Amino acid sequence: MSKQSGKVAIVTGASSGIGKATAEALARAGFTVFGTSRRTIGNGPKQVTMLVCDVTDEASVNEFVSEVLSRTGRIDLLVNNAGLGLFGGAEESSVAQAKSLFEVNFFGLVRMTNAVLPSMRKSGRGHIVNISSVLGFLPAPYSAHYGATKHAVEGYSESLDHETRTFGVRVTLIEPAFTKSSFDQAALKPDAMLKEYDEARAGVDKLVQHAMTAGDPPEVVADTVVMAATVARPKRRYPAGKAAKQVSLARRFVPAEMFDKSLRKQFGLPVL
């Protein structure tokens, strides 16, 4: 197969939600897009080549990246989107479950990044866009392990950007708030539920379901990714959507005690 002359993008977790919208938006913007899913799917994103890749399996990741390079000869953009949710009390998840969440949300991202960086460095250009969350800078109750994975993504991304900038490779964070998708339905359930958290957990589940229904469509996040991927000088981070921007500003400028009270009230917790 002949090598492609246009820019080539990879989007992980592209079978639905933010990943699917992002893959399609990049294709419309002129990228040759390869999307990943853990298993073969029948109804993938339009104008996107879907390939099977398990980001928790290093061999699978390396095989996928090698296949893209063999077809195109280049990788200009990697969008690390694959991820899982987990909502519940922090002590309701075993260490094994927390590790399994990190395997997807953090180490999966690291595996993909390690696989594409050699070709990006060699070509002297590239852009890695990591889908984080407002929970990557805002710790919230009943999302301790999920928030921890996104905090890890944020710290890793900032450090990596400093290291790879010399080689012409930039790293950008996209920070959405709640987005309309099946994310909550696919989220993990705590594997060691405690009756002490039943009432609070039910309240959080209801809040999350409402927030997902009222949230931004995934196209809002996709448009933010395309903008970051095509601008001449990308910023380090982009809140995606009105709610994310509001939360980002509030986190920076609202006094800590006032913000704490507001957050607890939103989650139906007593203001102590």
Protein backbone atom coordinates (compact mmCIF):
# COMPACT_ATOMS: atom_id res chain seq x y z
CA MET A 1 0.00 0.00 0.00
CA SER A 2 1.32 3.45 -0.87
CA LYS A 3 2.34 5.83 1.89
CA GLN A 4 -0.05 8.65 2.78
CA SER A 5 0.92 12.28 2.17
CA GLY A 6 -1.61 13.80 4.62
CA LYS A 7 -1.44 13.81 8.39
CA VAL A 8 -2.16 10.55 10.20
CA ALA A 9 -4.04 10.35 13.50
CA ILE A 10 -4.71 7.56 15.98
CA VAL A 11 -7.70 7.71 18.34
CA THR A 12 -7.98 5.05 21.04
CA GLY A 13 -11.40 3.96 22.27
CA ALA A 14 -13.00 5.19 19.03
CA SER A 15 -16.01 2.86 18.92
CA SER A 16 -18.38 5.21 20.74
CA GLY A 17 -18.79 8.46 22.63
CA ILE A 18 -15.98 11.01 22.68
CA GLY A 19 -13.62 8.70 20.79
CA LYS A 20 -16.01 8.12 17.91
CA ALA A 21 -16.91 11.82 17.64
CA THR A 22 -13.24 12.78 17.75
CA ALA A 23 -12.22 10.26 15.09
CA GLU A 24 -14.96 11.48 12.75
CA ALA A 25 -14.12 15.15 13.39
CA LEU A 26 -10.43 14.57 12.62
CA ALA A 27 -11.37 12.73 9.41
CA ARG A 28 -13.49 15.70 8.34
CA ALA A 29 -10.53 17.97 9.13
CA GLY A 30 -8.40 16.05 6.61
CA PHE A 31 -6.57 13.54 8.79
CA THR A 32 -6.20 9.89 7.84
CA VAL A 33 -7.63 8.38 11.02
CA PHE A 34 -7.10 4.99 12.62
CA GLY A 35 -9.34 4.15 15.56
CA THR A 36 -9.00 1.39 18.13
CA SER A 37 -11.49 -0.83 19.90
CA ARG A 38 -10.91 -3.81 22.15
CA ARG A 39 -12.88 -6.08 19.83
CA THR A 40 -14.12 -6.00 16.24
CA ILE A 41 -17.17 -3.75 15.80
CA GLY A 42 -19.71 -3.52 13.00
CA ASN A 43 -20.76 0.14 13.11
CA GLY A 44 -17.64 2.24 13.59
CA PRO A 45 -17.00 5.93 12.98
CA LYS A 46 -17.35 7.19 9.41
CA GLN A 47 -14.22 7.58 7.24
CA VAL A 48 -12.12 5.93 9.94
CA THR A 49 -10.12 2.70 9.72
CA MET A 50 -10.91 0.68 12.83
CA LEU A 51 -8.42 -1.88 14.14
CA VAL A 52 -8.46 -4.05 17.24
CA CYS A 53 -6.10 -2.93 19.99
CA ASP A 54 -6.12 -3.60 23.73
CA VAL A 55 -4.29 -0.75 25.45
CA THR A 56 -3.68 -2.97 28.50
CA ASP A 57 -1.60 -5.36 26.35
CA GLU A 58 1.82 -4.10 25.26
CA ALA A 59 2.11 -6.61 22.42
CA SER A 60 -1.30 -5.57 21.08
CA VAL A 61 -0.33 -1.89 21.24
CA ASN A 62 3.00 -2.42 19.47
CA GLU A 63 1.37 -4.56 16.78
CA PHE A 64 -1.27 -1.90 16.15
CA VAL A 65 1.24 0.96 15.90
CA SER A 66 3.47 -1.09 13.60
CA GLU A 67 0.46 -1.77 11.36
CA VAL A 68 -0.37 1.94 11.11
CA LEU A 69 3.25 2.79 10.29
CA SER A 70 3.43 0.04 7.66
CA ARG A 71 0.33 1.45 5.97
CA THR A 72 1.15 5.15 6.19
CA GLY A 73 4.82 5.62 7.08
CA ARG A 74 3.98 8.24 9.72
CA ILE A 75 1.98 9.10 12.83
CA ASP A 76 1.35 12.80 13.40
CA LEU A 77 -1.27 12.72 16.13
CA LEU A 78 -2.16 10.35 18.95
CA VAL A 79 -5.39 10.95 20.87
CA ASN A 80 -5.38 8.86 24.05
CA ASN A 81 -9.08 8.55 24.76
CA ALA A 82 -9.64 4.94 25.91
CA GLY A 83 -10.77 4.87 29.52
CA LEU A 84 -13.12 3.52 32.19
CA GLY A 85 -15.09 5.15 34.98
CA LEU A 86 -15.47 4.08 38.59
CA PHE A 87 -17.71 5.82 41.13
CA GLY A 88 -18.11 4.80 44.76
CA GLY A 89 -16.50 5.20 48.15
CA ALA A 90 -12.72 4.98 48.04
CA GLU A 91 -12.63 2.05 50.47
CA GLU A 92 -15.24 0.17 48.42
CA SER A 93 -12.69 -0.79 45.77
CA SER A 94 -10.00 -3.35 46.33
CA VAL A 95 -6.40 -2.58 45.41
CA ALA A 96 -6.79 -5.08 42.55
CA GLN A 97 -9.71 -3.10 41.13
CA ALA A 98 -7.83 0.19 41.48
CA LYS A 99 -4.90 -1.38 39.63
CA SER A 100 -7.20 -2.57 36.82
CA LEU A 101 -8.52 0.98 36.42
CA PHE A 102 -4.98 2.39 36.22
CA GLU A 103 -4.08 -0.28 33.65
CA VAL A 104 -6.60 1.27 31.23
CA ASN A 105 -6.74 4.96 32.15
CA PHE A 106 -3.07 5.58 32.85
CA PHE A 107 -0.78 2.74 31.83
CA GLY A 108 -2.75 2.19 28.61
CA LEU A 109 -2.03 5.79 27.74
CA VAL A 110 1.65 5.32 28.61
CA ARG A 111 1.89 2.21 26.42
CA MET A 112 0.39 4.00 23.44
CA THR A 113 2.66 7.00 23.98
CA ASN A 114 5.79 4.87 24.25
CA ALA A 115 4.84 3.08 21.04
CA VAL A 116 4.40 6.22 18.90
CA LEU A 117 7.18 8.42 20.30
CA PRO A 118 10.12 6.82 18.43
CA SER A 119 8.57 7.56 15.02
CA MET A 120 7.55 11.07 16.12
CA ARG A 121 11.03 11.85 17.40
CA LYS A 122 12.60 10.52 14.23
CA SER A 123 10.40 12.70 12.04
CA GLY A 124 10.86 15.74 14.29
CA ARG A 125 7.13 16.37 14.65
CA GLY A 126 4.10 15.02 16.44
CA HIS A 127 1.32 15.81 18.87
CA ILE A 128 -0.05 13.68 21.71
CA VAL A 129 -3.49 14.71 22.99
CA ASN A 130 -4.57 13.10 26.25
CA ILE A 131 -8.23 13.09 27.23
CA SER A 132 -8.25 13.96 30.92
CA SER A 133 -11.21 15.30 32.92
CA VAL A 134 -12.17 18.11 35.23
CA LEU A 135 -11.58 15.42 37.87
CA GLY A 136 -7.94 15.58 36.84
CA PHE A 137 -7.63 18.92 38.65
CA LEU A 138 -10.71 18.78 40.90
CA PRO A 139 -10.82 15.91 43.42
CA ALA A 140 -14.49 15.10 44.02
CA PRO A 141 -16.18 12.72 46.49
CA TYR A 142 -16.90 9.17 45.37
CA SER A 143 -14.47 9.38 42.46
CA ALA A 144 -11.19 8.88 44.31
CA HIS A 145 -9.71 6.16 42.10
CA TYR A 146 -10.97 7.58 38.80
CA GLY A 147 -9.76 11.04 39.83
CA ALA A 148 -6.40 9.55 40.81
CA THR A 149 -5.95 8.10 37.31
CA LYS A 150 -6.73 11.49 35.75
CA HIS A 151 -4.42 13.32 38.17
CA ALA A 152 -1.72 10.87 37.09
CA VAL A 153 -2.46 11.63 33.43
CA GLU A 154 -2.16 15.36 34.13
CA GLY A 155 1.19 15.10 35.90
CA TYR A 156 2.58 12.70 33.32
CA SER A 157 1.45 14.89 30.42
CA GLU A 158 2.99 18.09 31.77
CA SER A 159 6.33 16.38 32.43
CA LEU A 160 6.28 14.65 29.05
CA ASP A 161 5.61 17.89 27.20
CA HIS A 162 8.77 19.40 28.68
CA GLU A 163 10.79 16.36 27.62
CA THR A 164 9.53 15.96 24.06
CA ARG A 165 9.25 19.60 23.02
CA THR A 166 12.93 19.53 22.04
CA PHE A 167 12.09 16.89 19.42
CA GLY A 168 9.16 18.83 17.95
CA VAL A 169 6.57 16.76 19.81
CA ARG A 170 3.93 18.51 21.93
CA VAL A 171 1.59 17.08 24.58
CA THR A 172 -1.85 18.56 25.30
CA LEU A 173 -4.54 17.82 27.88
CA ILE A 174 -8.26 18.02 27.10
CA GLU A 175 -10.42 18.39 30.23
CA PRO A 176 -14.16 17.72 29.67
CA ALA A 177 -16.85 17.81 32.31
CA PHE A 178 -19.76 15.35 32.11
CA THR A 179 -20.46 14.45 28.48
CA LYS A 180 -23.47 12.70 26.95
CA SER A 181 -22.32 9.15 26.25
CA SER A 182 -22.55 5.61 27.59
CA PHE A 183 -19.58 6.30 29.89
CA ASP A 184 -21.62 5.91 33.08
CA GLN A 185 -23.21 2.68 31.85
CA ALA A 186 -19.81 1.16 31.08
CA ALA A 187 -18.27 2.35 34.36
CA LEU A 188 -17.02 -0.21 36.85
CA LYS A 189 -18.94 -0.85 40.05
CA PRO A 190 -17.03 -1.03 43.34
CA ASP A 191 -16.08 -4.63 44.05
CA ALA A 192 -16.35 -4.37 47.84
CA MET A 193 -19.53 -2.38 48.47
CA LEU A 194 -20.25 -1.35 52.06
CA LYS A 195 -23.72 -0.67 53.46
CA GLU A 196 -22.40 2.47 55.12
CA TYR A 197 -22.09 4.08 51.67
CA ASP A 198 -25.36 2.80 50.15
CA GLU A 199 -27.29 6.05 50.54
CA ALA A 200 -24.46 8.33 49.42
CA ARG A 201 -23.54 6.05 46.52
CA ALA A 202 -27.14 6.01 45.29
CA GLY A 203 -27.18 9.81 45.44
CA VAL A 204 -23.95 10.07 43.48
CA ASP A 205 -25.20 7.60 40.87
CA LYS A 206 -28.33 9.72 40.42
CA LEU A 207 -26.25 12.90 40.17
CA VAL A 208 -23.92 11.35 37.58
CA GLN A 209 -26.82 10.05 35.47
CA HIS A 210 -28.45 13.49 35.50
CA ALA A 211 -25.16 15.22 34.70
CA MET A 212 -24.49 12.85 31.80
CA THR A 213 -27.97 13.52 30.38
CA ALA A 214 -27.59 17.28 30.71
CA GLY A 215 -23.91 17.33 29.69
CA ASP A 216 -22.26 18.50 26.51
CA PRO A 217 -22.54 16.30 23.42
CA PRO A 218 -19.29 14.46 22.62
CA GLU A 219 -18.87 16.67 19.55
CA VAL A 220 -17.96 19.56 21.89
CA VAL A 221 -14.96 17.60 23.12
CA ALA A 222 -14.17 16.42 19.58
CA ASP A 223 -14.11 20.01 18.30
CA THR A 224 -11.74 20.97 21.12
CA VAL A 225 -9.41 18.14 20.13
CA VAL A 226 -9.43 19.21 16.48
CA MET A 227 -8.72 22.80 17.45
CA ALA A 228 -5.80 21.76 19.67
CA ALA A 229 -4.48 19.43 16.97
CA THR A 230 -4.53 22.04 14.20
CA VAL A 231 -3.51 25.28 15.95
CA ALA A 232 0.04 26.47 15.28
CA ARG A 233 1.01 26.75 18.96
CA PRO A 234 -1.12 24.40 21.11
CA LYS A 235 -1.73 25.18 24.77
CA ARG A 236 -0.86 22.67 27.45
CA ARG A 237 -4.52 22.20 28.49
CA TYR A 238 -7.99 22.96 27.19
CA PRO A 239 -11.18 22.71 29.27
CA ALA A 240 -13.82 21.32 26.88
CA GLY A 241 -17.29 22.82 27.09
CA LYS A 242 -18.97 25.59 29.10
CA ALA A 243 -19.24 23.63 32.36
CA ALA A 244 -15.59 22.57 32.27
CA LYS A 245 -14.47 26.15 31.69
CA GLN A 246 -16.60 27.39 34.58
CA VAL A 247 -15.27 24.73 36.94
CA SER A 248 -11.68 25.45 35.86
CA LEU A 249 -12.08 29.14 36.62
CA ALA A 250 -13.84 28.48 39.92
CA ARG A 251 -11.13 26.07 41.04
CA ARG A 252 -8.49 28.74 40.39
CA PHE A 253 -10.19 31.81 41.81
CA VAL A 254 -12.89 30.84 44.36
CA PRO A 255 -11.57 30.66 47.95
CA ALA A 256 -10.85 27.05 48.96
CA GLU A 257 -13.30 26.92 51.88
CA MET A 258 -16.14 28.35 49.79
CA PHE A 259 -15.39 25.94 46.96
CA ASP A 260 -15.30 23.01 49.41
CA LYS A 261 -18.75 23.89 50.80
CA SER A 262 -20.21 24.28 47.32
CA LEU A 263 -18.84 20.91 46.20
CA ARG A 264 -20.16 19.07 49.26
CA LYS A 265 -23.57 20.66 48.81
CA GLN A 266 -23.64 19.59 45.16
CA PHE A 267 -22.98 15.98 46.19
CA GLY A 268 -25.58 16.07 48.97
CA LEU A 269 -22.99 15.86 51.73
CA PRO A 270 -23.27 17.74 55.04
CA VAL A 271 -21.24 20.94 55.12
CA LEU A 272 -18.86 20.30 58.00
